[in-house]
Amino acid sequence: MSDQAIALQESAPPRCQGVVSLAASIVIGGLLLGLSGLALTGTMITLAVATPGLVLFSIIAAVLSLLLVTAGFMVTGGCLAAAVAAMVSMCPYMAGKHPLGWEQLDYLTTKFGGKAT
């Protein structure tokens, strides 16, 4: 092979890299969105079940339930934001475009990769 063909082959990202990127994005995004949906569902069920009794019997319990419902909505929003952030940061990296600072992450991954398992 000529030097030009070898250089072209080395610079081109592998074809399966796009498939792996898509699969990883779908899995991570799906898991985080699923967690977000579970947190939202749990929050709404808790709100529907607990509100009548709490409103009738105690103002302190009502305030506590509002705090718990607010925490549930915050967890839902946090999981959603984490899913979006993971997809936004991972897709360019998997496509071969390494943003600023990813070299340090790659170095740490190679340095500590075997020690984590």
C-alpha atoms as a PDB file:
ATOM      1  CA  MET A   1       0.000   0.000   0.000  1.00  0.00           C
ATOM      2  CA  SER A   2       1.126   3.500  -0.634  1.00  0.00           C
ATOM      3  CA  ASP A   3       1.880   5.912   2.180  1.00  0.00           C
ATOM      4  CA  GLN A   4      -1.054   8.096   1.163  1.00  0.00           C
ATOM      5  CA  ALA A   5      -3.525   5.189   1.382  1.00  0.00           C
ATOM      6  CA  ILE A   6      -2.176   4.167   4.790  1.00  0.00           C
ATOM      7  CA  ALA A   7      -2.453   7.750   6.070  1.00  0.00           C
ATOM      8  CA  LEU A   8      -6.028   7.976   4.766  1.00  0.00           C
ATOM      9  CA  GLN A   9      -6.956   4.677   6.390  1.00  0.00           C
ATOM     10  CA  GLU A  10      -5.490   5.712   9.753  1.00  0.00           C
ATOM     11  CA  SER A  11      -7.185   9.123   9.761  1.00  0.00           C
ATOM     12  CA  ALA A  12     -10.654   7.819   8.873  1.00  0.00           C
ATOM     13  CA  PRO A  13     -12.733   6.753  11.868  1.00  0.00           C
ATOM     14  CA  PRO A  14     -13.936   3.144  11.821  1.00  0.00           C
ATOM     15  CA  ARG A  15     -17.383   2.602  10.336  1.00  0.00           C
ATOM     16  CA  CYS A  16     -18.695   0.762  13.381  1.00  0.00           C
ATOM     17  CA  GLN A  17     -17.820   3.719  15.618  1.00  0.00           C
ATOM     18  CA  GLY A  18     -21.013   5.503  14.571  1.00  0.00           C
ATOM     19  CA  VAL A  19     -23.094   2.436  15.404  1.00  0.00           C
ATOM     20  CA  VAL A  20     -21.431   2.091  18.809  1.00  0.00           C
ATOM     21  CA  SER A  21     -21.964   5.795  19.479  1.00  0.00           C
ATOM     22  CA  LEU A  22     -25.628   5.522  18.600  1.00  0.00           C
ATOM     23  CA  ALA A  23     -26.096   2.403  20.734  1.00  0.00           C
ATOM     24  CA  ALA A  24     -24.338   3.964  23.731  1.00  0.00           C
ATOM     25  CA  SER A  25     -26.373   7.152  23.387  1.00  0.00           C
ATOM     26  CA  ILE A  26     -29.617   5.225  23.225  1.00  0.00           C
ATOM     27  CA  VAL A  27     -28.750   3.083  26.252  1.00  0.00           C
ATOM     28  CA  ILE A  28     -27.538   5.929  28.471  1.00  0.00           C
ATOM     29  CA  GLY A  29     -30.291   8.288  27.387  1.00  0.00           C
ATOM     30  CA  GLY A  30     -32.953   5.625  27.779  1.00  0.00           C
ATOM     31  CA  LEU A  31     -31.796   4.653  31.260  1.00  0.00           C
ATOM     32  CA  LEU A  32     -31.663   8.228  32.505  1.00  0.00           C
ATOM     33  CA  LEU A  33     -34.988   9.116  30.928  1.00  0.00           C
ATOM     34  CA  GLY A  34     -36.487   5.949  32.430  1.00  0.00           C
ATOM     35  CA  LEU A  35     -35.222   6.951  35.876  1.00  0.00           C
ATOM     36  CA  SER A  36     -36.667  10.392  35.326  1.00  0.00           C
ATOM     37  CA  GLY A  37     -40.040   8.889  34.435  1.00  0.00           C
ATOM     38  CA  LEU A  38     -40.005   6.588  37.471  1.00  0.00           C
ATOM     39  CA  ALA A  39     -39.201   9.495  39.777  1.00  0.00           C
ATOM     40  CA  LEU A  40     -42.000  11.567  38.236  1.00  0.00           C
ATOM     41  CA  THR A  41     -44.474   8.682  38.517  1.00  0.00           C
ATOM     42  CA  GLY A  42     -43.552   8.043  42.140  1.00  0.00           C
ATOM     43  CA  THR A  43     -43.876  11.718  42.935  1.00  0.00           C
ATOM     44  CA  MET A  44     -47.308  11.964  41.354  1.00  0.00           C
ATOM     45  CA  ILE A  45     -48.597   8.800  43.066  1.00  0.00           C
ATOM     46  CA  THR A  46     -47.313  10.029  46.427  1.00  0.00           C
ATOM     47  CA  LEU A  47     -48.922  13.401  45.845  1.00  0.00           C
ATOM     48  CA  ALA A  48     -52.265  11.848  44.895  1.00  0.00           C
ATOM     49  CA  VAL A  49     -52.346   9.418  47.835  1.00  0.00           C
ATOM     50  CA  ALA A  50     -51.003  11.631  50.599  1.00  0.00           C
ATOM     51  CA  THR A  51     -52.563  15.008  49.877  1.00  0.00           C
ATOM     52  CA  PRO A  52     -56.129  14.465  51.148  1.00  0.00           C
ATOM     53  CA  GLY A  53     -55.053  13.076  54.511  1.00  0.00           C
ATOM     54  CA  LEU A  54     -52.317  15.620  55.003  1.00  0.00           C
ATOM     55  CA  VAL A  55     -54.512  18.583  54.184  1.00  0.00           C
ATOM     56  CA  LEU A  56     -57.225  17.404  56.571  1.00  0.00           C
ATOM     57  CA  PHE A  57     -55.067  16.504  59.559  1.00  0.00           C
ATOM     58  CA  SER A  58     -51.880  18.544  59.784  1.00  0.00           C
ATOM     59  CA  ILE A  59     -50.250  21.642  58.378  1.00  0.00           C
ATOM     60  CA  ILE A  60     -46.770  20.379  59.302  1.00  0.00           C
ATOM     61  CA  ALA A  61     -47.323  17.132  57.419  1.00  0.00           C
ATOM     62  CA  ALA A  62     -48.640  19.121  54.453  1.00  0.00           C
ATOM     63  CA  VAL A  63     -45.463  21.223  54.410  1.00  0.00           C
ATOM     64  CA  LEU A  64     -43.363  18.066  54.674  1.00  0.00           C
ATOM     65  CA  SER A  65     -45.217  16.462  51.798  1.00  0.00           C
ATOM     66  CA  LEU A  66     -44.738  19.578  49.666  1.00  0.00           C
ATOM     67  CA  LEU A  67     -41.015  19.425  50.388  1.00  0.00           C
ATOM     68  CA  LEU A  68     -40.906  15.754  49.373  1.00  0.00           C
ATOM     69  CA  VAL A  69     -42.880  16.429  46.200  1.00  0.00           C
ATOM     70  CA  THR A  70     -40.532  19.296  45.361  1.00  0.00           C
ATOM     71  CA  ALA A  71     -37.556  16.975  45.919  1.00  0.00           C
ATOM     72  CA  GLY A  72     -39.165  14.430  43.596  1.00  0.00           C
ATOM     73  CA  PHE A  73     -39.553  17.007  40.849  1.00  0.00           C
ATOM     74  CA  MET A  74     -35.937  18.089  41.368  1.00  0.00           C
ATOM     75  CA  VAL A  75     -34.739  14.478  40.959  1.00  0.00           C
ATOM     76  CA  THR A  76     -36.808  14.173  37.792  1.00  0.00           C
ATOM     77  CA  GLY A  77     -35.291  17.335  36.361  1.00  0.00           C
ATOM     78  CA  GLY A  78     -31.813  16.246  37.425  1.00  0.00           C
ATOM     79  CA  CYS A  79     -32.100  12.903  35.642  1.00  0.00           C
ATOM     80  CA  LEU A  80     -33.383  14.654  32.544  1.00  0.00           C
ATOM     81  CA  ALA A  81     -30.521  17.173  32.621  1.00  0.00           C
ATOM     82  CA  ALA A  82     -28.004  14.356  33.141  1.00  0.00           C
ATOM     83  CA  ALA A  83     -29.390  12.487  30.128  1.00  0.00           C
ATOM     84  CA  VAL A  84     -29.133  15.555  27.924  1.00  0.00           C
ATOM     85  CA  ALA A  85     -25.639  16.412  29.185  1.00  0.00           C
ATOM     86  CA  ALA A  86     -24.405  12.840  28.638  1.00  0.00           C
ATOM     87  CA  MET A  87     -25.674  12.797  25.082  1.00  0.00           C
ATOM     88  CA  VAL A  88     -24.334  16.249  24.253  1.00  0.00           C
ATOM     89  CA  SER A  89     -20.860  15.481  25.573  1.00  0.00           C
ATOM     90  CA  MET A  90     -20.609  11.877  24.390  1.00  0.00           C
ATOM     91  CA  CYS A  91     -21.763  12.110  20.780  1.00  0.00           C
ATOM     92  CA  PRO A  92     -18.946  14.392  19.520  1.00  0.00           C
ATOM     93  CA  TYR A  93     -16.407  12.331  21.458  1.00  0.00           C
ATOM     94  CA  MET A  94     -17.611   9.089  19.897  1.00  0.00           C
ATOM     95  CA  ALA A  95     -17.571  10.705  16.452  1.00  0.00           C
ATOM     96  CA  GLY A  96     -13.845  11.339  16.838  1.00  0.00           C
ATOM     97  CA  LYS A  97     -14.016  15.037  17.673  1.00  0.00           C
ATOM     98  CA  HIS A  98     -12.200  15.420  20.960  1.00  0.00           C
ATOM     99  CA  PRO A  99     -13.205  18.649  22.743  1.00  0.00           C
ATOM    100  CA  LEU A 100     -10.879  20.548  25.043  1.00  0.00           C
ATOM    101  CA  GLY A 101      -9.877  18.531  28.090  1.00  0.00           C
ATOM    102  CA  TRP A 102     -10.717  15.079  26.723  1.00  0.00           C
ATOM    103  CA  GLU A 103      -7.017  14.263  26.334  1.00  0.00           C
ATOM    104  CA  GLN A 104      -6.669  14.412  30.109  1.00  0.00           C
ATOM    105  CA  LEU A 105      -9.665  12.107  30.502  1.00  0.00           C
ATOM    106  CA  ASP A 106      -8.176   9.654  28.003  1.00  0.00           C
ATOM    107  CA  TYR A 107      -4.859   9.723  29.855  1.00  0.00           C
ATOM    108  CA  LEU A 108      -6.575   9.031  33.180  1.00  0.00           C
ATOM    109  CA  THR A 109      -8.658   6.288  31.607  1.00  0.00           C
ATOM    110  CA  THR A 110      -5.562   4.514  30.326  1.00  0.00           C
ATOM    111  CA  LYS A 111      -3.697   5.086  33.585  1.00  0.00           C
ATOM    112  CA  PHE A 112      -6.442   3.916  35.959  1.00  0.00           C
ATOM    113  CA  GLY A 113      -8.572   1.799  33.624  1.00  0.00           C
ATOM    114  CA  GLY A 114      -7.301  -1.578  34.751  1.00  0.00           C
ATOM    115  CA  LYS A 115      -7.337  -0.673  38.433  1.00  0.00           C
ATOM    116  CA  ALA A 116     -11.071   0.026  38.597  1.00  0.00           C
ATOM    117  CA  THR A 117     -12.103  -3.562  37.914  1.00  0.00           C
END
